[in-house]
Amino acid sequence: MSSSLTVRRIAADQGETYRELRTASLREAPYAFGETLEEALSADAAKFDETAASYAVSDLSTSFILYTEGHPAGLICAFFEETPPHHAFVCELWVAPAVRHLRGGELLVNTASAWLAEQGAPEVYAWVADANRNAMRFYQRLGFGPAGEHAPSSRAPDEWQTLLVRRVRHENAALQG
């Protein structure tokens, strides 16, 4: 029997859930994120509360939570760059190992991409560590391809990352030709 998966945008009162998912992701895959577990654990709970409250209403950045049988089991962030050209990004994708086989990561990426498209993004970008071959294959299966940028990681300058991109469809696409 497969679990029922749902994705919902983070709610203003979900700071504790956000903190639990971030620390779980950092415990399980510390190499995959720009923040360390120690930084997340030492952060005041109010920081997570403020982030959840902001993400719940912002048109520029948000998070989506994956639920399985009603329990939080994954997370993704979506945002627009503050500086031109204001590219849309997905980042910090994580799904609990016990439910990865249920395609929750795909559901999270597609939900976040749809939200970005609704906000007007024609493309969605993701930085992926070159050493993370599983993540690279995952994004490629979802239609992401190289965007032509390759850069050192900000957290580990001796490690490299590749910028991936995929076009997204939004309701206004027919009007734009």
N, C-alpha and C. Protein backbone atom coordinates (compact mmCIF):
# COMPACT_ATOMS: atom_id res chain seq x y z
N MET A 1 0.84 -1.18 0.00
CA MET A 1 0.00 0.00 0.00
C MET A 1 0.89 1.24 0.00
N SER A 2 0.65 2.14 -0.91
CA SER A 2 1.47 3.35 -0.97
C SER A 2 0.85 4.45 -0.13
N SER A 3 1.70 5.25 0.42
CA SER A 3 1.25 6.37 1.23
C SER A 3 0.66 7.45 0.34
N SER A 4 -0.26 8.18 0.89
CA SER A 4 -0.83 9.30 0.16
C SER A 4 0.07 10.51 0.38
N LEU A 5 0.49 11.13 -0.70
CA LEU A 5 1.38 12.29 -0.63
C LEU A 5 0.60 13.55 -0.98
N THR A 6 0.85 14.60 -0.24
CA THR A 6 0.30 15.91 -0.54
C THR A 6 1.39 16.94 -0.32
N VAL A 7 1.25 18.06 -1.00
CA VAL A 7 2.17 19.18 -0.81
C VAL A 7 1.34 20.41 -0.54
N ARG A 8 1.74 21.16 0.48
CA ARG A 8 1.07 22.42 0.80
C ARG A 8 2.12 23.49 1.06
N ARG A 9 1.74 24.70 0.71
CA ARG A 9 2.60 25.85 1.02
C ARG A 9 2.69 25.98 2.54
N ILE A 10 3.85 26.36 3.01
CA ILE A 10 4.05 26.53 4.43
C ILE A 10 3.05 27.54 4.99
N ALA A 11 2.56 27.29 6.18
CA ALA A 11 1.64 28.20 6.85
C ALA A 11 2.42 29.06 7.85
N ALA A 12 1.86 30.19 8.19
CA ALA A 12 2.53 31.15 9.06
C ALA A 12 2.90 30.56 10.42
N ASP A 13 2.15 29.60 10.89
CA ASP A 13 2.39 29.04 12.22
C ASP A 13 3.23 27.76 12.20
N GLN A 14 3.95 27.50 11.11
CA GLN A 14 4.71 26.26 10.97
C GLN A 14 6.22 26.42 11.16
N GLY A 15 6.62 27.37 11.97
CA GLY A 15 8.05 27.55 12.23
C GLY A 15 8.71 26.32 12.81
N GLU A 16 8.04 25.66 13.73
CA GLU A 16 8.61 24.45 14.34
C GLU A 16 8.73 23.32 13.32
N THR A 17 7.73 23.16 12.46
CA THR A 17 7.78 22.14 11.41
C THR A 17 8.92 22.44 10.45
N TYR A 18 9.06 23.71 10.09
CA TYR A 18 10.15 24.12 9.20
C TYR A 18 11.49 23.79 9.84
N ARG A 19 11.65 24.10 11.11
CA ARG A 19 12.91 23.81 11.82
C ARG A 19 13.17 22.30 11.85
N GLU A 20 12.16 21.51 12.14
CA GLU A 20 12.33 20.05 12.18
C GLU A 20 12.79 19.50 10.84
N LEU A 21 12.17 19.97 9.76
CA LEU A 21 12.55 19.49 8.43
C LEU A 21 13.94 19.95 8.04
N ARG A 22 14.28 21.20 8.34
CA ARG A 22 15.63 21.70 8.01
C ARG A 22 16.69 20.93 8.76
N THR A 23 16.50 20.71 10.05
CA THR A 23 17.52 19.98 10.81
C THR A 23 17.59 18.52 10.38
N ALA A 24 16.45 17.92 10.05
CA ALA A 24 16.47 16.54 9.55
C ALA A 24 17.25 16.46 8.24
N SER A 25 17.04 17.43 7.36
CA SER A 25 17.76 17.43 6.08
C SER A 25 19.26 17.59 6.29
N LEU A 26 19.64 18.44 7.21
CA LEU A 26 21.05 18.69 7.47
C LEU A 26 21.72 17.51 8.18
N ARG A 27 20.97 16.79 8.98
CA ARG A 27 21.51 15.58 9.61
C ARG A 27 21.77 14.50 8.56
N GLU A 28 20.83 14.35 7.65
CA GLU A 28 20.90 13.27 6.68
C GLU A 28 21.81 13.59 5.50
N ALA A 29 21.87 14.83 5.08
CA ALA A 29 22.65 15.20 3.89
C ALA A 29 23.36 16.53 4.12
N PRO A 30 24.30 16.59 5.05
CA PRO A 30 24.95 17.87 5.38
C PRO A 30 25.71 18.50 4.22
N TYR A 31 26.12 17.71 3.26
CA TYR A 31 26.89 18.18 2.10
C TYR A 31 26.02 18.90 1.07
N ALA A 32 24.71 18.80 1.20
CA ALA A 32 23.83 19.26 0.13
C ALA A 32 23.28 20.67 0.32
N PHE A 33 23.58 21.30 1.42
CA PHE A 33 22.95 22.59 1.72
C PHE A 33 23.99 23.63 2.10
N GLY A 34 23.61 24.89 1.96
CA GLY A 34 24.52 26.00 2.26
C GLY A 34 24.65 26.30 3.74
N GLU A 35 23.82 25.69 4.54
CA GLU A 35 23.81 25.90 5.99
C GLU A 35 24.31 24.63 6.66
N THR A 36 24.89 24.75 7.84
CA THR A 36 25.33 23.56 8.57
C THR A 36 24.29 23.20 9.63
N LEU A 37 24.34 21.97 10.08
CA LEU A 37 23.45 21.52 11.14
C LEU A 37 23.66 22.36 12.40
N GLU A 38 24.91 22.64 12.70
CA GLU A 38 25.22 23.44 13.89
C GLU A 38 24.58 24.82 13.81
N GLU A 39 24.61 25.44 12.63
CA GLU A 39 23.98 26.75 12.45
C GLU A 39 22.48 26.66 12.66
N ALA A 40 21.86 25.63 12.11
CA ALA A 40 20.41 25.48 12.26
C ALA A 40 20.02 25.20 13.70
N LEU A 41 20.79 24.35 14.37
CA LEU A 41 20.47 24.02 15.76
C LEU A 41 20.69 25.19 16.71
N SER A 42 21.66 26.04 16.39
CA SER A 42 21.94 27.17 17.28
C SER A 42 21.03 28.38 17.00
N ALA A 43 20.31 28.35 15.90
CA ALA A 43 19.40 29.46 15.57
C ALA A 43 18.23 29.48 16.54
N ASP A 44 17.84 30.67 16.91
CA ASP A 44 16.70 30.86 17.78
C ASP A 44 15.44 30.36 17.09
N ALA A 45 14.55 29.73 17.83
CA ALA A 45 13.29 29.24 17.26
C ALA A 45 12.51 30.37 16.60
N ALA A 46 12.66 31.58 17.11
CA ALA A 46 11.94 32.73 16.54
C ALA A 46 12.35 32.96 15.08
N LYS A 47 13.59 32.62 14.73
CA LYS A 47 14.05 32.77 13.34
C LYS A 47 13.22 31.90 12.41
N PHE A 48 12.96 30.67 12.82
CA PHE A 48 12.15 29.76 12.01
C PHE A 48 10.70 30.22 11.97
N ASP A 49 10.20 30.74 13.09
CA ASP A 49 8.83 31.26 13.12
C ASP A 49 8.69 32.44 12.16
N GLU A 50 9.68 33.34 12.16
CA GLU A 50 9.65 34.51 11.28
C GLU A 50 9.74 34.09 9.81
N THR A 51 10.59 33.11 9.53
CA THR A 51 10.73 32.62 8.16
C THR A 51 9.42 32.02 7.67
N ALA A 52 8.80 31.17 8.49
CA ALA A 52 7.53 30.54 8.10
C ALA A 52 6.47 31.61 7.87
N ALA A 53 6.39 32.58 8.75
CA ALA A 53 5.38 33.64 8.61
C ALA A 53 5.61 34.43 7.32
N SER A 54 6.86 34.71 7.01
CA SER A 54 7.19 35.44 5.79
C SER A 54 6.89 34.61 4.54
N TYR A 55 7.34 33.36 4.53
CA TYR A 55 7.13 32.47 3.39
C TYR A 55 5.65 32.21 3.11
N ALA A 56 4.83 32.29 4.14
CA ALA A 56 3.40 32.00 3.98
C ALA A 56 2.67 33.03 3.12
N VAL A 57 3.23 34.26 3.04
CA VAL A 57 2.52 35.33 2.34
C VAL A 57 3.32 35.99 1.22
N SER A 58 4.59 35.71 1.11
CA SER A 58 5.45 36.38 0.14
C SER A 58 5.14 35.95 -1.29
N ASP A 59 5.27 36.92 -2.22
CA ASP A 59 5.18 36.62 -3.64
C ASP A 59 6.55 36.38 -4.25
N LEU A 60 7.61 36.50 -3.43
CA LEU A 60 8.98 36.36 -3.94
C LEU A 60 9.71 35.13 -3.44
N SER A 61 9.31 34.60 -2.28
CA SER A 61 9.96 33.41 -1.74
C SER A 61 8.99 32.65 -0.85
N THR A 62 9.12 31.34 -0.89
CA THR A 62 8.24 30.50 -0.08
C THR A 62 8.86 29.13 0.09
N SER A 63 8.20 28.30 0.88
CA SER A 63 8.56 26.89 1.03
C SER A 63 7.30 26.06 0.89
N PHE A 64 7.50 24.84 0.44
CA PHE A 64 6.42 23.88 0.35
C PHE A 64 6.81 22.66 1.16
N ILE A 65 5.84 22.09 1.84
CA ILE A 65 6.07 20.93 2.69
C ILE A 65 5.35 19.73 2.10
N LEU A 66 6.08 18.62 2.02
CA LEU A 66 5.53 17.35 1.58
C LEU A 66 5.00 16.62 2.80
N TYR A 67 3.80 16.07 2.66
CA TYR A 67 3.20 15.28 3.74
C TYR A 67 2.93 13.88 3.22
N THR A 68 3.16 12.91 4.07
CA THR A 68 2.77 11.54 3.79
C THR A 68 1.89 11.09 4.94
N GLU A 69 0.68 10.69 4.61
CA GLU A 69 -0.30 10.30 5.63
C GLU A 69 -0.45 11.40 6.68
N GLY A 70 -0.33 12.66 6.24
CA GLY A 70 -0.51 13.80 7.13
C GLY A 70 0.71 14.22 7.93
N HIS A 71 1.82 13.51 7.78
CA HIS A 71 3.04 13.83 8.54
C HIS A 71 4.06 14.51 7.63
N PRO A 72 4.71 15.58 8.10
CA PRO A 72 5.73 16.26 7.28
C PRO A 72 6.86 15.31 6.93
N ALA A 73 7.22 15.27 5.63
CA ALA A 73 8.24 14.33 5.18
C ALA A 73 9.17 14.92 4.13
N GLY A 74 9.04 16.22 3.84
CA GLY A 74 9.91 16.81 2.84
C GLY A 74 9.71 18.31 2.74
N LEU A 75 10.64 18.96 2.06
CA LEU A 75 10.66 20.41 2.01
C LEU A 75 11.35 20.88 0.74
N ILE A 76 10.88 21.99 0.21
CA ILE A 76 11.58 22.67 -0.89
C ILE A 76 11.33 24.17 -0.73
N CYS A 77 12.31 24.95 -1.10
CA CYS A 77 12.15 26.41 -1.12
C CYS A 77 12.11 26.87 -2.58
N ALA A 78 11.39 27.96 -2.80
CA ALA A 78 11.29 28.57 -4.13
C ALA A 78 11.42 30.07 -3.94
N PHE A 79 12.20 30.71 -4.80
CA PHE A 79 12.39 32.15 -4.64
C PHE A 79 12.80 32.80 -5.95
N PHE A 80 12.65 34.11 -5.98
CA PHE A 80 13.16 34.94 -7.08
C PHE A 80 14.38 35.67 -6.57
N GLU A 81 15.43 35.74 -7.41
CA GLU A 81 16.62 36.53 -7.07
C GLU A 81 16.20 37.97 -6.81
N GLU A 82 16.88 38.61 -5.87
CA GLU A 82 16.58 40.00 -5.59
C GLU A 82 17.17 40.94 -6.63
N THR A 83 18.27 40.51 -7.27
CA THR A 83 18.93 41.37 -8.26
C THR A 83 18.58 40.91 -9.67
N PRO A 84 18.61 41.85 -10.62
CA PRO A 84 18.32 41.46 -12.01
C PRO A 84 19.28 40.36 -12.45
N PRO A 85 18.84 39.44 -13.22
CA PRO A 85 17.60 39.35 -13.97
C PRO A 85 16.43 38.70 -13.23
N HIS A 86 16.51 38.58 -11.91
CA HIS A 86 15.41 38.05 -11.09
C HIS A 86 15.01 36.62 -11.47
N HIS A 87 16.00 35.77 -11.70
CA HIS A 87 15.72 34.37 -12.01
C HIS A 87 14.95 33.71 -10.87
N ALA A 88 14.16 32.71 -11.22
CA ALA A 88 13.40 31.93 -10.25
C ALA A 88 14.17 30.65 -9.94
N PHE A 89 14.27 30.31 -8.67
CA PHE A 89 15.03 29.15 -8.23
C PHE A 89 14.22 28.23 -7.34
N VAL A 90 14.54 26.94 -7.41
CA VAL A 90 14.15 25.99 -6.39
C VAL A 90 15.44 25.59 -5.68
N CYS A 91 15.34 25.34 -4.38
CA CYS A 91 16.54 25.00 -3.62
C CYS A 91 16.14 24.26 -2.34
N GLU A 92 17.14 23.74 -1.68
CA GLU A 92 16.97 23.08 -0.38
C GLU A 92 15.95 21.95 -0.42
N LEU A 93 15.90 21.24 -1.54
CA LEU A 93 15.00 20.10 -1.67
C LEU A 93 15.49 18.97 -0.77
N TRP A 94 14.56 18.43 0.00
CA TRP A 94 14.87 17.26 0.82
C TRP A 94 13.60 16.46 1.05
N VAL A 95 13.74 15.15 0.93
CA VAL A 95 12.65 14.22 1.21
C VAL A 95 13.19 13.16 2.16
N ALA A 96 12.41 12.83 3.18
CA ALA A 96 12.82 11.80 4.13
C ALA A 96 13.15 10.51 3.39
N PRO A 97 14.27 9.86 3.72
CA PRO A 97 14.68 8.66 3.01
C PRO A 97 13.60 7.57 2.95
N ALA A 98 12.80 7.44 3.97
CA ALA A 98 11.79 6.38 4.02
C ALA A 98 10.69 6.54 2.97
N VAL A 99 10.55 7.75 2.41
CA VAL A 99 9.47 7.96 1.44
C VAL A 99 9.97 8.43 0.07
N ARG A 100 11.26 8.40 -0.14
CA ARG A 100 11.81 8.87 -1.43
C ARG A 100 11.29 8.05 -2.61
N HIS A 101 11.05 6.80 -2.42
CA HIS A 101 10.57 5.94 -3.50
C HIS A 101 9.16 6.32 -3.96
N LEU A 102 8.46 7.17 -3.23
CA LEU A 102 7.09 7.55 -3.57
C LEU A 102 7.02 8.76 -4.50
N ARG A 103 8.17 9.27 -4.93
CA ARG A 103 8.26 10.39 -5.88
C ARG A 103 7.85 11.74 -5.27
N GLY A 104 8.06 11.87 -3.97
CA GLY A 104 7.75 13.13 -3.31
C GLY A 104 8.64 14.27 -3.77
N GLY A 105 9.88 13.97 -4.11
CA GLY A 105 10.78 15.01 -4.61
C GLY A 105 10.26 15.61 -5.90
N GLU A 106 9.77 14.75 -6.78
CA GLU A 106 9.20 15.21 -8.04
C GLU A 106 7.97 16.09 -7.77
N LEU A 107 7.13 15.66 -6.84
CA LEU A 107 5.94 16.43 -6.49
C LEU A 107 6.33 17.80 -5.92
N LEU A 108 7.35 17.83 -5.07
CA LEU A 108 7.80 19.11 -4.51
C LEU A 108 8.35 20.04 -5.59
N VAL A 109 9.22 19.53 -6.46
CA VAL A 109 9.81 20.37 -7.52
C VAL A 109 8.72 20.89 -8.44
N ASN A 110 7.80 20.03 -8.82
CA ASN A 110 6.74 20.46 -9.73
C ASN A 110 5.80 21.47 -9.08
N THR A 111 5.49 21.29 -7.82
CA THR A 111 4.63 22.25 -7.11
C THR A 111 5.33 23.60 -6.99
N ALA A 112 6.59 23.59 -6.58
CA ALA A 112 7.34 24.85 -6.45
C ALA A 112 7.49 25.53 -7.81
N SER A 113 7.75 24.74 -8.86
CA SER A 113 7.89 25.31 -10.20
C SER A 113 6.58 25.93 -10.67
N ALA A 114 5.47 25.27 -10.37
CA ALA A 114 4.16 25.82 -10.74
C ALA A 114 3.90 27.14 -10.03
N TRP A 115 4.27 27.22 -8.77
CA TRP A 115 4.10 28.47 -8.02
C TRP A 115 4.95 29.58 -8.65
N LEU A 116 6.19 29.26 -8.98
CA LEU A 116 7.06 30.26 -9.61
C LEU A 116 6.49 30.70 -10.96
N ALA A 117 5.96 29.75 -11.72
CA ALA A 117 5.34 30.09 -13.01
C ALA A 117 4.13 31.00 -12.81
N GLU A 118 3.33 30.72 -11.79
CA GLU A 118 2.18 31.58 -11.49
C GLU A 118 2.61 33.00 -11.16
N GLN A 119 3.82 33.14 -10.62
CA GLN A 119 4.35 34.46 -10.30
C GLN A 119 5.01 35.10 -11.52
N GLY A 120 5.01 34.39 -12.65
CA GLY A 120 5.52 34.96 -13.90
C GLY A 120 6.85 34.42 -14.39
N ALA A 121 7.42 33.45 -13.72
CA ALA A 121 8.72 32.91 -14.15
C ALA A 121 8.57 32.07 -15.41
N PRO A 122 9.36 32.35 -16.45
CA PRO A 122 9.33 31.51 -17.65
C PRO A 122 10.24 30.28 -17.52
N GLU A 123 11.20 30.36 -16.58
CA GLU A 123 12.16 29.29 -16.36
C GLU A 123 12.42 29.15 -14.86
N VAL A 124 12.82 27.95 -14.47
CA VAL A 124 13.18 27.68 -13.08
C VAL A 124 14.60 27.14 -13.08
N TYR A 125 15.41 27.65 -12.17
CA TYR A 125 16.81 27.28 -12.06
C TYR A 125 17.07 26.52 -10.76
N ALA A 126 18.14 25.72 -10.77
CA ALA A 126 18.58 25.02 -9.57
C ALA A 126 20.09 24.82 -9.66
N TRP A 127 20.81 25.17 -8.59
CA TRP A 127 22.23 24.87 -8.50
C TRP A 127 22.35 23.46 -7.92
N VAL A 128 23.15 22.62 -8.56
CA VAL A 128 23.33 21.25 -8.09
C VAL A 128 24.83 20.96 -8.01
N ALA A 129 25.24 20.42 -6.86
CA ALA A 129 26.64 20.07 -6.67
C ALA A 129 27.04 18.99 -7.67
N ASP A 130 28.15 19.21 -8.33
CA ASP A 130 28.62 18.24 -9.33
C ASP A 130 28.83 16.86 -8.72
N ALA A 131 29.26 16.82 -7.47
CA ALA A 131 29.52 15.54 -6.81
C ALA A 131 28.24 14.79 -6.45
N ASN A 132 27.12 15.48 -6.45
CA ASN A 132 25.86 14.85 -6.08
C ASN A 132 25.19 14.29 -7.35
N ARG A 133 25.71 13.16 -7.81
CA ARG A 133 25.24 12.57 -9.07
C ARG A 133 23.76 12.18 -9.00
N ASN A 134 23.29 11.73 -7.85
CA ASN A 134 21.88 11.37 -7.73
C ASN A 134 20.99 12.59 -7.95
N ALA A 135 21.36 13.72 -7.36
CA ALA A 135 20.57 14.94 -7.54
C ALA A 135 20.63 15.40 -8.99
N MET A 136 21.80 15.30 -9.60
CA MET A 136 21.94 15.71 -11.00
C MET A 136 21.02 14.87 -11.90
N ARG A 137 21.02 13.56 -11.71
CA ARG A 137 20.14 12.68 -12.49
C ARG A 137 18.67 12.97 -12.20
N PHE A 138 18.34 13.21 -10.95
CA PHE A 138 16.96 13.52 -10.57
C PHE A 138 16.46 14.76 -11.32
N TYR A 139 17.21 15.85 -11.28
CA TYR A 139 16.79 17.07 -11.96
C TYR A 139 16.73 16.89 -13.47
N GLN A 140 17.67 16.14 -14.03
CA GLN A 140 17.64 15.89 -15.48
C GLN A 140 16.39 15.10 -15.87
N ARG A 141 15.98 14.14 -15.04
CA ARG A 141 14.74 13.39 -15.32
C ARG A 141 13.52 14.31 -15.32
N LEU A 142 13.59 15.41 -14.58
CA LEU A 142 12.48 16.35 -14.51
C LEU A 142 12.55 17.42 -15.61
N GLY A 143 13.50 17.29 -16.52
CA GLY A 143 13.58 18.21 -17.64
C GLY A 143 14.55 19.36 -17.47
N PHE A 144 15.34 19.35 -16.42
CA PHE A 144 16.35 20.39 -16.24
C PHE A 144 17.57 20.04 -17.07
N GLY A 145 18.21 21.06 -17.61
CA GLY A 145 19.44 20.89 -18.37
C GLY A 145 20.42 21.98 -18.00
N PRO A 146 21.66 21.86 -18.45
CA PRO A 146 22.68 22.86 -18.12
C PRO A 146 22.29 24.25 -18.61
N ALA A 147 22.52 25.24 -17.75
CA ALA A 147 22.23 26.63 -18.10
C ALA A 147 23.49 27.36 -18.57
N GLY A 148 24.62 26.64 -18.56
CA GLY A 148 25.86 27.24 -19.03
C GLY A 148 26.71 27.88 -17.95
N GLU A 149 26.33 27.72 -16.69
CA GLU A 149 27.14 28.27 -15.60
C GLU A 149 27.64 27.14 -14.72
N HIS A 150 28.90 27.27 -14.33
CA HIS A 150 29.58 26.30 -13.48
C HIS A 150 30.39 27.14 -12.51
N ALA A 151 30.25 26.90 -11.21
CA ALA A 151 30.91 27.77 -10.23
C ALA A 151 31.31 26.98 -8.99
N PRO A 152 32.30 27.52 -8.27
CA PRO A 152 32.65 26.88 -6.99
C PRO A 152 31.49 27.07 -6.00
N SER A 153 31.34 26.11 -5.12
CA SER A 153 30.33 26.19 -4.08
C SER A 153 30.71 27.28 -3.08
N SER A 154 29.75 28.03 -2.61
CA SER A 154 30.05 29.09 -1.64
C SER A 154 30.47 28.50 -0.30
N ARG A 155 29.99 27.31 0.01
CA ARG A 155 30.31 26.68 1.28
C ARG A 155 31.64 25.92 1.23
N ALA A 156 31.95 25.34 0.07
CA ALA A 156 33.18 24.58 -0.10
C ALA A 156 33.79 24.95 -1.45
N PRO A 157 34.62 26.01 -1.48
CA PRO A 157 35.14 26.53 -2.75
C PRO A 157 35.91 25.52 -3.60
N ASP A 158 36.36 24.41 -3.00
CA ASP A 158 37.06 23.39 -3.79
C ASP A 158 36.08 22.42 -4.45
N GLU A 159 34.79 22.58 -4.18
CA GLU A 159 33.76 21.76 -4.82
C GLU A 159 32.99 22.63 -5.80
N TRP A 160 32.55 22.02 -6.90
CA TRP A 160 31.89 22.77 -7.96
C TRP A 160 30.42 22.43 -8.04
N GLN A 161 29.67 23.37 -8.59
CA GLN A 161 28.24 23.18 -8.81
C GLN A 161 27.87 23.67 -10.20
N THR A 162 26.80 23.10 -10.73
CA THR A 162 26.31 23.43 -12.06
C THR A 162 24.92 24.03 -11.95
N LEU A 163 24.69 25.08 -12.70
CA LEU A 163 23.36 25.69 -12.76
C LEU A 163 22.54 24.96 -13.80
N LEU A 164 21.38 24.48 -13.37
CA LEU A 164 20.44 23.79 -14.27
C LEU A 164 19.21 24.67 -14.47
N VAL A 165 18.52 24.46 -15.58
CA VAL A 165 17.33 25.26 -15.89
C VAL A 165 16.31 24.41 -16.62
N ARG A 166 15.05 24.73 -16.43
CA ARG A 166 13.98 24.15 -17.25
C ARG A 166 12.91 25.20 -17.47
N ARG A 167 12.33 25.15 -18.64
CA ARG A 167 11.21 26.05 -18.96
C ARG A 167 9.99 25.58 -18.20
N VAL A 168 9.16 26.51 -17.81
CA VAL A 168 7.91 26.16 -17.14
C VAL A 168 6.75 26.80 -17.88
N ARG A 169 5.63 26.19 -17.75
CA ARG A 169 4.43 26.72 -18.39
C ARG A 169 3.61 27.45 -17.34
N HIS A 170 3.03 28.54 -17.75
CA HIS A 170 2.11 29.23 -16.87
C HIS A 170 0.88 29.65 -17.66
N GLU A 171 -0.15 30.05 -16.95
CA GLU A 171 -1.44 30.31 -17.57
C GLU A 171 -1.37 31.37 -18.66
N ASN A 172 -0.43 32.30 -18.57
CA ASN A 172 -0.34 33.37 -19.54
C ASN A 172 0.50 32.99 -20.76
N ALA A 173 1.00 31.76 -20.80
CA ALA A 173 1.88 31.36 -21.91
C ALA A 173 1.17 31.49 -23.25
N ALA A 174 -0.09 31.13 -23.32
CA ALA A 174 -0.83 31.22 -24.58
C ALA A 174 -0.95 32.68 -25.05
N LEU A 175 -1.06 33.59 -24.11
CA LEU A 175 -1.18 35.00 -24.46
C LEU A 175 0.13 35.59 -24.95
N GLN A 176 1.25 34.98 -24.53
CA GLN A 176 2.55 35.51 -24.90
C GLN A 176 3.06 34.90 -26.20
N GLY A 177 2.30 34.02 -26.79
CA GLY A 177 2.69 33.47 -28.08
C GLY A 177 3.39 32.21 -27.93
